[in-house]
N, C-alpha and C. Protein backbone atom coordinates (compact mmCIF):
# COMPACT_ATOMS: atom_id res chain seq x y z
N MET A 1 -8.97 29.16 16.99
CA MET A 1 -8.01 28.32 16.96
C MET A 1 -6.90 27.83 16.01
N SER A 2 -5.53 28.13 16.95
CA SER A 2 -3.81 28.38 16.44
C SER A 2 -4.05 26.86 16.11
N ASP A 3 -2.85 26.85 14.72
CA ASP A 3 -2.68 25.72 14.31
C ASP A 3 -1.18 25.49 14.78
N ASP A 4 -0.74 26.54 16.09
CA ASP A 4 0.18 26.05 16.92
C ASP A 4 0.02 24.01 17.52
N PHE A 5 1.09 23.17 17.50
CA PHE A 5 1.22 21.97 18.17
C PHE A 5 1.34 22.43 19.31
N SER A 6 0.97 22.37 20.75
CA SER A 6 1.65 23.02 22.04
C SER A 6 0.13 22.57 23.02
N CYS A 7 0.63 22.55 23.97
CA CYS A 7 0.18 22.33 25.26
C CYS A 7 -0.97 23.97 25.28
N PRO A 8 -1.89 24.60 25.58
CA PRO A 8 -2.07 25.18 25.97
C PRO A 8 -1.36 26.50 27.15
N PRO A 9 -1.08 27.74 27.34
CA PRO A 9 -0.38 28.44 27.74
C PRO A 9 -0.41 27.87 29.65
N ASP A 10 -1.26 27.78 30.06
CA ASP A 10 -0.87 27.02 31.17
C ASP A 10 -0.99 25.92 31.89
N CYS A 11 -0.80 25.30 30.27
CA CYS A 11 -0.46 24.15 31.17
C CYS A 11 1.35 23.41 31.96
N ASP A 12 1.00 23.04 32.58
CA ASP A 12 2.28 22.82 33.74
C ASP A 12 2.67 21.16 33.55
N CYS A 13 2.48 20.98 32.03
CA CYS A 13 3.89 19.57 31.99
C CYS A 13 5.12 20.51 31.87
N GLN A 14 6.28 19.61 32.50
CA GLN A 14 7.65 19.50 32.41
C GLN A 14 8.03 19.47 30.87
N PRO A 15 9.17 20.33 30.84
CA PRO A 15 10.62 20.00 29.18
C PRO A 15 10.59 18.38 28.76
N GLY A 16 10.19 18.16 28.01
CA GLY A 16 10.00 16.44 28.21
C GLY A 16 8.77 15.90 27.86
N GLU A 17 8.02 16.29 28.63
CA GLU A 17 7.33 15.79 28.86
C GLU A 17 6.89 15.66 27.58
N GLN A 18 5.74 16.72 27.95
CA GLN A 18 5.22 16.83 25.65
C GLN A 18 5.61 15.73 24.80
N ASN A 19 5.53 15.00 23.77
CA ASN A 19 6.33 14.84 23.16
C ASN A 19 5.55 14.95 21.32
N SER A 20 5.05 14.25 20.64
CA SER A 20 5.54 14.56 19.50
C SER A 20 3.79 14.37 18.90
N ASP A 21 2.73 14.21 20.15
CA ASP A 21 1.57 13.22 19.85
C ASP A 21 0.95 14.79 20.03
N ALA A 22 1.58 16.07 20.24
CA ALA A 22 0.94 17.45 20.94
C ALA A 22 -0.35 17.46 19.68
N ILE A 23 -0.74 17.67 20.62
CA ILE A 23 -1.92 18.38 19.64
C ILE A 23 -2.39 19.69 19.59
N PRO A 24 -3.29 20.39 18.25
CA PRO A 24 -3.62 21.68 18.48
C PRO A 24 -4.27 22.60 19.52
N MET A 25 -3.57 23.67 19.67
CA MET A 25 -5.09 24.53 20.59
C MET A 25 -6.16 24.74 20.89
N GLY A 26 -6.60 24.63 21.86
CA GLY A 26 -7.97 24.23 21.85
C GLY A 26 -8.93 22.60 22.06
N LYS A 27 -7.89 22.07 21.92
CA LYS A 27 -8.18 20.49 22.20
C LYS A 27 -7.48 20.28 22.85
N PRO A 28 -7.58 19.05 23.34
CA PRO A 28 -6.78 18.40 24.71
C PRO A 28 -5.14 18.50 24.63
N CYS A 29 -4.58 18.85 26.01
CA CYS A 29 -2.82 19.05 25.62
C CYS A 29 -2.49 17.62 25.39
N ALA A 30 -1.30 17.59 25.02
CA ALA A 30 -0.38 16.91 24.78
C ALA A 30 -0.70 15.85 25.33
N PHE A 31 -0.30 14.18 24.85
CA PHE A 31 -0.40 13.08 25.53
C PHE A 31 0.89 12.79 26.18
N CYS A 32 1.18 11.92 27.63
CA CYS A 32 2.34 11.54 28.32
C CYS A 32 2.36 10.00 27.27
N ASP A 33 4.47 9.84 27.71
CA ASP A 33 3.63 8.65 27.06
C ASP A 33 2.83 7.41 27.95
N ALA A 34 2.24 7.42 28.60
CA ALA A 34 1.27 6.78 29.23
C ALA A 34 0.08 6.66 28.46
N GLY A 35 0.09 7.83 27.69
CA GLY A 35 -1.31 8.56 26.86
C GLY A 35 -2.58 8.92 27.70
N LYS A 36 -2.43 9.29 28.68
CA LYS A 36 -2.98 10.32 29.94
C LYS A 36 -3.10 11.51 28.64
N PRO A 37 -4.35 12.58 28.91
CA PRO A 37 -3.49 13.77 28.52
C PRO A 37 -3.34 14.51 29.89
N HIS A 38 -2.14 14.93 30.03
CA HIS A 38 -1.82 15.95 30.50
C HIS A 38 -2.08 16.33 31.67
N ALA A 39 -3.52 16.50 31.72
CA ALA A 39 -4.43 17.06 32.74
C ALA A 39 -5.31 15.87 33.89
N TRP A 40 -4.38 14.90 33.22
CA TRP A 40 -4.36 13.62 34.45
C TRP A 40 -3.57 13.56 35.22
N HIS A 41 -3.12 13.78 35.99
CA HIS A 41 -1.79 14.02 37.23
C HIS A 41 -1.92 12.05 37.40
N ASP A 42 -0.45 11.72 37.54
CA ASP A 42 0.20 10.50 38.16
C ASP A 42 -0.81 9.67 39.00
N ASP A 43 -1.40 10.66 40.23
CA ASP A 43 -2.57 9.66 41.44
C ASP A 43 -3.40 9.49 40.81
N GLY A 44 -4.00 9.15 39.10
CA GLY A 44 -4.93 9.37 38.05
C GLY A 44 -6.28 10.52 39.08
N SER A 45 -6.13 11.54 39.58
CA SER A 45 -7.15 13.51 39.15
C SER A 45 -6.93 13.54 38.92
N TYR A 46 -8.14 14.14 38.38
CA TYR A 46 -8.04 14.79 37.16
C TYR A 46 -7.56 16.84 37.27
N ASN A 47 -7.57 17.20 36.91
CA ASN A 47 -6.55 19.29 36.67
C ASN A 47 -7.74 19.53 36.55
N THR A 48 -8.35 20.43 37.23
CA THR A 48 -9.99 20.86 36.73
C THR A 48 -9.21 22.14 35.94
N GLU A 49 -8.20 22.44 36.03
CA GLU A 49 -7.69 23.95 35.19
C GLU A 49 -7.69 23.60 33.79
N HIS A 50 -7.22 22.49 33.64
CA HIS A 50 -7.89 22.67 32.29
C HIS A 50 -8.99 21.93 31.71
N ALA A 51 -9.74 21.96 32.32
CA ALA A 51 -10.72 21.68 32.28
C ALA A 51 -11.71 22.21 30.93
N GLU A 52 -11.65 23.11 29.89
CA GLU A 52 -11.73 23.81 28.73
C GLU A 52 -11.03 22.90 27.77
N PHE A 53 -9.91 22.31 27.77
CA PHE A 53 -9.32 21.89 26.58
C PHE A 53 -9.60 20.45 26.48
N LEU A 54 -10.76 20.50 27.90
CA LEU A 54 -10.52 18.36 27.68
C LEU A 54 -11.83 18.06 27.41
N ASP A 55 -12.99 19.10 27.07
CA ASP A 55 -14.49 19.05 27.40
C ASP A 55 -14.82 18.06 26.61
N ASN A 56 -13.92 17.89 25.21
CA ASN A 56 -15.12 16.63 23.72
C ASN A 56 -13.60 15.17 24.07
N TRP A 57 -12.77 15.62 25.43
CA TRP A 57 -11.56 14.51 25.22
C TRP A 57 -11.92 12.91 25.38
N THR A 58 -12.10 12.50 25.00
CA THR A 58 -12.88 11.02 25.11
C THR A 58 -11.41 9.86 25.18
N PRO A 59 -11.06 8.72 26.40
CA PRO A 59 -10.09 7.66 26.58
C PRO A 59 -9.47 7.27 25.00
N SER A 60 -10.75 7.37 24.26
CA SER A 60 -9.37 6.96 22.79
C SER A 60 -8.97 7.58 21.82
N GLN A 61 -9.02 8.84 21.89
CA GLN A 61 -7.94 10.45 21.71
C GLN A 61 -6.65 10.09 22.21
N GLY A 62 -6.24 10.25 21.23
CA GLY A 62 -4.61 10.16 21.42
C GLY A 62 -3.97 8.83 22.21
N SER A 63 -4.42 8.03 22.59
CA SER A 63 -3.95 6.70 23.12
C SER A 63 -4.17 5.10 22.53
N ALA A 64 -4.85 5.94 20.97
CA ALA A 64 -4.19 4.69 19.89
C ALA A 64 -2.94 4.74 19.70
N GLU A 65 -2.66 3.29 19.11
CA GLU A 65 -1.78 3.28 18.31
C GLU A 65 -0.74 4.63 17.23
N LYS A 66 -0.13 4.15 16.94
CA LYS A 66 -0.11 5.00 15.74
C LYS A 66 0.19 3.76 14.79
N GLU A 67 -0.25 3.66 13.43
CA GLU A 67 0.02 2.80 12.02
C GLU A 67 1.73 3.41 11.75
N PRO A 68 2.91 2.36 11.76
CA PRO A 68 3.61 2.19 11.80
C PRO A 68 4.04 3.05 9.91
N ALA A 69 4.55 4.31 9.53
CA ALA A 69 4.79 4.09 8.58
C ALA A 69 5.16 3.20 7.98
N PRO A 70 4.54 3.41 6.33
CA PRO A 70 5.12 2.58 4.93
C PRO A 70 6.64 2.19 5.24
N ASP A 71 7.12 1.22 4.78
CA ASP A 71 8.14 1.07 4.47
C ASP A 71 8.50 1.16 3.22
N PRO A 72 9.44 2.25 3.33
CA PRO A 72 9.67 2.21 1.24
C PRO A 72 10.64 1.10 0.64
N ASP A 73 11.47 0.08 0.88
CA ASP A 73 11.50 -0.87 0.52
C ASP A 73 10.64 -2.07 0.19
N ARG A 74 9.19 -2.03 1.37
CA ARG A 74 8.39 -2.83 1.27
C ARG A 74 7.46 -2.36 -0.37
N ARG A 75 6.98 -1.79 -0.92
CA ARG A 75 6.78 -0.94 -1.68
C ARG A 75 6.82 -2.32 -2.96
N PRO A 76 7.60 -2.45 -3.40
CA PRO A 76 8.31 -3.47 -4.42
C PRO A 76 7.47 -4.79 -4.57
N LEU A 77 7.66 -5.28 -3.34
CA LEU A 77 6.86 -6.56 -2.69
C LEU A 77 5.24 -6.13 -3.10
N ASP A 78 4.93 -5.12 -2.48
CA ASP A 78 3.58 -4.68 -2.36
C ASP A 78 3.05 -4.68 -3.87
N LEU A 79 3.68 -4.24 -4.69
CA LEU A 79 2.68 -3.84 -6.21
C LEU A 79 3.21 -5.85 -6.74
N MET A 80 4.33 -6.47 -6.70
CA MET A 80 4.46 -7.88 -6.74
C MET A 80 3.29 -8.42 -6.55
N GLU A 81 2.89 -8.19 -4.96
CA GLU A 81 1.45 -9.08 -4.39
C GLU A 81 0.19 -8.51 -5.12
N GLU A 82 -0.04 -7.64 -5.92
CA GLU A 82 -0.30 -7.10 -6.11
C GLU A 82 -0.90 -7.66 -7.53
N ALA A 83 0.20 -7.76 -7.91
CA ALA A 83 -0.28 -7.90 -9.75
C ALA A 83 -0.64 -9.42 -9.76
N ARG A 84 0.64 -10.53 -8.37
CA ARG A 84 -0.06 -11.60 -8.12
C ARG A 84 -2.08 -12.03 -7.90
N ALA A 85 -1.71 -11.23 -7.06
CA ALA A 85 -3.67 -11.35 -6.79
C ALA A 85 -4.42 -11.51 -8.08
N ILE A 86 -4.12 -10.31 -9.34
CA ILE A 86 -4.41 -9.94 -10.20
C ILE A 86 -5.01 -10.94 -11.31
N VAL A 87 -3.11 -11.86 -11.80
CA VAL A 87 -3.27 -12.70 -12.48
C VAL A 87 -4.01 -13.82 -11.98
N TYR A 88 -3.70 -14.74 -10.44
CA TYR A 88 -4.75 -15.77 -10.20
C TYR A 88 -5.73 -14.90 -9.20
N GLY A 89 -6.13 -14.24 -9.67
CA GLY A 89 -7.63 -13.41 -9.37
C GLY A 89 -8.94 -13.43 -10.32
N ALA A 90 -8.87 -12.44 -10.68
CA ALA A 90 -9.89 -11.44 -11.35
C ALA A 90 -9.61 -11.69 -13.23
N ARG A 91 -8.32 -11.80 -13.34
CA ARG A 91 -7.90 -12.24 -14.83
C ARG A 91 -8.19 -14.00 -14.80
N GLN A 92 -7.37 -14.10 -14.05
CA GLN A 92 -8.22 -15.74 -14.38
C GLN A 92 -9.09 -16.32 -14.52
N GLU A 93 -10.31 -15.55 -13.73
CA GLU A 93 -12.04 -15.54 -14.06
C GLU A 93 -12.21 -15.15 -15.34
N SER A 94 -11.33 -14.22 -15.62
CA SER A 94 -12.03 -13.57 -16.94
C SER A 94 -11.43 -14.28 -18.32
N TYR A 95 -10.45 -14.58 -18.17
CA TYR A 95 -9.40 -14.94 -19.94
C TYR A 95 -8.91 -16.63 -19.42
N GLY A 96 -8.82 -17.38 -18.27
CA GLY A 96 -8.71 -18.42 -18.60
C GLY A 96 -7.25 -18.18 -17.86
N HIS A 97 -6.81 -19.31 -18.01
CA HIS A 97 -5.33 -19.42 -18.24
C HIS A 97 -4.14 -18.51 -19.14
N PRO A 98 -3.49 -17.62 -18.55
CA PRO A 98 -2.44 -17.31 -18.94
C PRO A 98 -1.91 -18.29 -20.49
N ALA A 99 -1.62 -19.59 -20.45
CA ALA A 99 -1.45 -20.34 -22.08
C ALA A 99 -2.58 -20.11 -23.06
N ASP A 100 -3.72 -20.16 -22.09
CA ASP A 100 -4.58 -20.39 -23.00
C ASP A 100 -5.18 -19.05 -23.84
N ASP A 101 -4.69 -18.37 -22.77
CA ASP A 101 -5.70 -16.32 -23.06
C ASP A 101 -4.21 -16.00 -24.50
N TYR A 102 -2.62 -16.66 -23.93
CA TYR A 102 -1.61 -15.86 -25.45
C TYR A 102 -1.62 -16.13 -26.19
N THR A 103 -1.57 -18.24 -26.01
CA THR A 103 -2.20 -19.12 -27.51
C THR A 103 -3.16 -17.91 -28.07
N ARG A 104 -4.27 -17.98 -27.55
CA ARG A 104 -5.12 -17.16 -28.47
C ARG A 104 -4.45 -15.83 -29.33
N THR A 105 -3.73 -15.00 -28.03
CA THR A 105 -3.31 -13.42 -29.15
C THR A 105 -2.31 -13.58 -29.45
N ALA A 106 -1.49 -14.76 -29.29
CA ALA A 106 -0.26 -15.18 -30.29
C ALA A 106 -0.36 -15.66 -31.82
N GLY A 107 -1.85 -16.18 -31.79
CA GLY A 107 -2.09 -16.37 -33.08
C GLY A 107 -2.93 -15.46 -33.72
N MET A 108 -3.31 -14.83 -33.26
CA MET A 108 -3.77 -13.70 -33.56
C MET A 108 -3.14 -12.30 -33.78
N TRP A 109 -2.62 -12.55 -33.35
CA TRP A 109 -0.82 -11.54 -33.62
C TRP A 109 -0.02 -11.95 -34.79
N SER A 110 -0.01 -13.51 -34.99
CA SER A 110 0.72 -14.34 -36.13
C SER A 110 -0.09 -13.78 -37.22
N ALA A 111 -1.37 -13.79 -37.37
CA ALA A 111 -2.28 -13.64 -38.36
C ALA A 111 -1.81 -12.20 -38.77
N PHE A 112 -1.77 -11.70 -37.85
CA PHE A 112 -2.15 -9.84 -38.44
C PHE A 112 -0.73 -9.57 -39.36
N LEU A 113 0.39 -10.04 -38.14
CA LEU A 113 1.92 -9.66 -39.03
C LEU A 113 2.41 -10.54 -39.27
N GLY A 114 1.93 -11.86 -40.28
CA GLY A 114 2.56 -12.74 -41.11
C GLY A 114 3.72 -13.65 -40.63
N ILE A 115 3.54 -13.41 -39.01
CA ILE A 115 5.64 -14.34 -39.38
C ILE A 115 4.68 -15.01 -37.75
N PRO A 116 5.75 -16.21 -36.84
CA PRO A 116 4.90 -17.02 -35.83
C PRO A 116 5.09 -16.20 -34.90
N ILE A 117 4.20 -15.76 -34.31
CA ILE A 117 4.43 -15.14 -32.45
C ILE A 117 4.36 -16.45 -31.40
N THR A 118 4.99 -17.16 -30.21
CA THR A 118 4.59 -17.25 -29.77
C THR A 118 3.74 -17.03 -28.31
N PRO A 119 3.31 -17.74 -27.73
CA PRO A 119 2.54 -17.51 -26.76
C PRO A 119 3.46 -16.74 -25.47
N GLU A 120 4.66 -17.36 -25.32
CA GLU A 120 5.83 -17.21 -24.12
C GLU A 120 6.48 -15.27 -25.48
N GLN A 121 6.03 -15.21 -25.93
CA GLN A 121 6.72 -13.93 -26.50
C GLN A 121 5.26 -13.24 -26.54
N ALA A 122 4.79 -12.63 -26.99
CA ALA A 122 3.17 -12.38 -27.05
C ALA A 122 3.31 -11.54 -25.47
N SER A 123 3.65 -12.58 -24.15
CA SER A 123 2.97 -12.50 -23.01
C SER A 123 4.32 -11.47 -22.65
N LEU A 124 6.25 -11.34 -23.33
CA LEU A 124 7.00 -10.11 -23.24
C LEU A 124 6.87 -9.21 -24.06
N MET A 125 6.53 -9.23 -24.64
CA MET A 125 5.73 -8.40 -25.50
C MET A 125 4.81 -7.57 -24.84
N MET A 126 4.00 -8.03 -24.07
CA MET A 126 3.59 -6.81 -23.38
C MET A 126 4.25 -6.77 -21.66
N VAL A 127 5.25 -6.87 -21.66
CA VAL A 127 6.10 -6.69 -20.61
C VAL A 127 7.12 -5.34 -21.09
N LEU A 128 7.57 -5.37 -22.40
CA LEU A 128 8.08 -4.50 -23.18
C LEU A 128 7.20 -3.09 -22.81
N LEU A 129 6.10 -3.23 -23.48
CA LEU A 129 4.20 -2.32 -23.43
C LEU A 129 4.80 -1.53 -22.14
N LYS A 130 4.35 -2.38 -21.65
CA LYS A 130 4.45 -1.76 -19.80
C LYS A 130 6.13 -0.96 -19.75
N ILE A 131 7.12 -1.47 -19.97
CA ILE A 131 8.25 -1.12 -20.23
C ILE A 131 8.09 0.42 -20.88
N SER A 132 7.43 0.40 -22.22
CA SER A 132 7.72 1.97 -22.60
C SER A 132 6.53 2.53 -22.05
N ARG A 133 5.67 2.41 -21.56
CA ARG A 133 4.99 3.65 -20.80
C ARG A 133 5.30 3.97 -19.83
N GLU A 134 6.14 2.83 -18.87
CA GLU A 134 6.22 3.27 -17.51
C GLU A 134 8.18 4.40 -17.76
N ARG A 135 8.55 4.03 -19.21
CA ARG A 135 9.73 4.77 -18.98
C ARG A 135 8.86 6.81 -20.02
N ASN A 136 7.90 6.26 -20.17
CA ASN A 136 6.65 7.29 -20.77
C ASN A 136 6.92 8.55 -20.37
N ARG A 137 5.50 7.69 -19.20
CA ARG A 137 4.81 7.88 -17.91
C ARG A 137 5.00 7.34 -17.00
N PRO A 138 5.68 7.72 -15.97
CA PRO A 138 5.54 6.07 -15.09
C PRO A 138 4.21 6.49 -13.76
N GLY A 139 4.55 4.96 -13.60
CA GLY A 139 3.29 4.34 -12.46
C GLY A 139 3.37 3.24 -11.96
N ASP A 140 2.58 3.49 -10.93
CA ASP A 140 2.67 2.40 -9.59
C ASP A 140 2.08 1.34 -10.60
N ASP A 141 0.84 1.52 -12.09
CA ASP A 141 -0.05 0.45 -12.70
C ASP A 141 1.27 -0.03 -13.99
N ASN A 142 1.62 0.29 -14.11
CA ASN A 142 2.85 0.20 -14.94
C ASN A 142 3.59 -0.86 -14.41
N ILE A 143 4.19 -0.65 -13.35
CA ILE A 143 5.01 -1.83 -12.44
C ILE A 143 3.85 -2.81 -12.05
N VAL A 144 2.87 -2.85 -11.78
CA VAL A 144 2.10 -3.79 -11.38
C VAL A 144 1.42 -5.87 -12.63
N ASP A 145 1.75 -4.09 -13.62
CA ASP A 145 0.87 -4.87 -14.71
C ASP A 145 2.37 -5.30 -15.40
N ALA A 146 3.31 -5.12 -15.81
CA ALA A 146 4.71 -6.00 -16.04
C ALA A 146 5.64 -7.08 -15.12
N HIS A 147 4.96 -6.47 -14.02
CA HIS A 147 4.96 -8.12 -12.63
C HIS A 147 3.75 -8.85 -12.86
N GLY A 148 2.69 -8.68 -13.84
CA GLY A 148 1.75 -9.51 -13.89
C GLY A 148 1.79 -9.95 -15.06
N TYR A 149 2.81 -9.50 -16.48
CA TYR A 149 2.70 -10.39 -17.65
C TYR A 149 4.05 -11.02 -17.62
N LEU A 150 5.01 -10.86 -16.33
CA LEU A 150 6.19 -12.02 -15.61
C LEU A 150 5.52 -13.29 -15.82
N LEU A 151 4.34 -12.55 -14.39
CA LEU A 151 3.68 -13.95 -13.83
C LEU A 151 3.26 -14.84 -14.85
N CYS A 152 2.24 -14.13 -15.95
CA CYS A 152 2.12 -14.93 -17.19
C CYS A 152 2.68 -15.97 -17.72
N TYR A 153 4.04 -15.13 -18.30
CA TYR A 153 5.07 -15.75 -19.52
C TYR A 153 5.33 -16.53 -17.97
N GLY A 154 5.32 -17.16 -17.36
CA GLY A 154 6.04 -18.38 -16.29
C GLY A 154 5.25 -19.32 -15.97
N ARG A 155 3.99 -18.50 -15.92
CA ARG A 155 2.33 -19.36 -15.99
C ARG A 155 2.85 -20.08 -17.25
N ILE A 156 3.28 -19.40 -18.51
CA ILE A 156 3.05 -20.52 -19.76
C ILE A 156 3.97 -21.49 -19.96
N GLN A 157 5.32 -20.83 -18.94
CA GLN A 157 6.14 -21.72 -19.53
C GLN A 157 5.91 -23.09 -18.05
N ALA A 158 5.23 -22.92 -17.32
CA ALA A 158 4.95 -23.92 -16.60
C ALA A 158 4.02 -24.96 -16.75
N ARG A 159 3.23 -24.61 -17.38
CA ARG A 159 1.52 -25.16 -18.42
C ARG A 159 2.69 -26.25 -19.31
N GLN A 160 3.02 -25.38 -20.15
CA GLN A 160 4.35 -26.04 -21.69
C GLN A 160 4.72 -27.60 -20.72
N ARG A 161 5.98 -26.99 -19.60
CA ARG A 161 6.29 -28.55 -19.31
C ARG A 161 6.11 -29.50 -18.75
N GLN A 162 4.44 -29.07 -17.72
CA GLN A 162 3.52 -30.01 -17.90
C GLN A 162 3.02 -31.06 -19.35
N VAL A 163 2.83 -30.35 -20.09
CA VAL A 163 2.42 -30.87 -21.50
C VAL A 163 3.47 -31.65 -21.51
N ILE A 164 4.70 -31.44 -21.89
CA ILE A 164 6.06 -32.18 -22.15
C ILE A 164 6.46 -33.52 -21.14
N GLU A 165 6.30 -33.19 -19.77
CA GLU A 165 6.51 -34.56 -19.07
C GLU A 165 5.66 -35.16 -19.23
N ALA A 166 4.10 -35.15 -19.67
CA ALA A 166 2.81 -35.52 -19.34
C ALA A 166 2.98 -37.01 -20.77
N HIS A 167 4.18 -36.53 -21.86
CA HIS A 167 4.11 -37.14 -22.66
C HIS A 167 5.50 -38.50 -22.86
């Protein structure tokens, strides 16, 4: 079988009929814009001259719409949405609200370093850790995690505002 993406040599498609959906030799011919293999005539009759190329063809082949190519401008939003799902999902379930989690973390860091560390500072230091890792070895996980830590920072601040407003 050839890797050439074109119709069989005896295909009678007209120039311009073959579109980018052409498939390898030994398979059905390229599909017209209506989604029919070229062995089907406009009147719906079957072109038996191309039968050997259509033995395994079913109407679902080639007629399904292609998925649109991913939008590169959308990628950062996808990473942010992934971070949000983690922060409000699995991490929330495992560690509780970020204000509680980072209060514990800040307390341990404060004891270890001998200086006071706030929950906000702890979450921002985690962002800096991810920036450092991104600088060393870029990867989506660093971006997702950095967004997640910034979300935690925002949730810590929101919790503190609620406490202040309640008093």
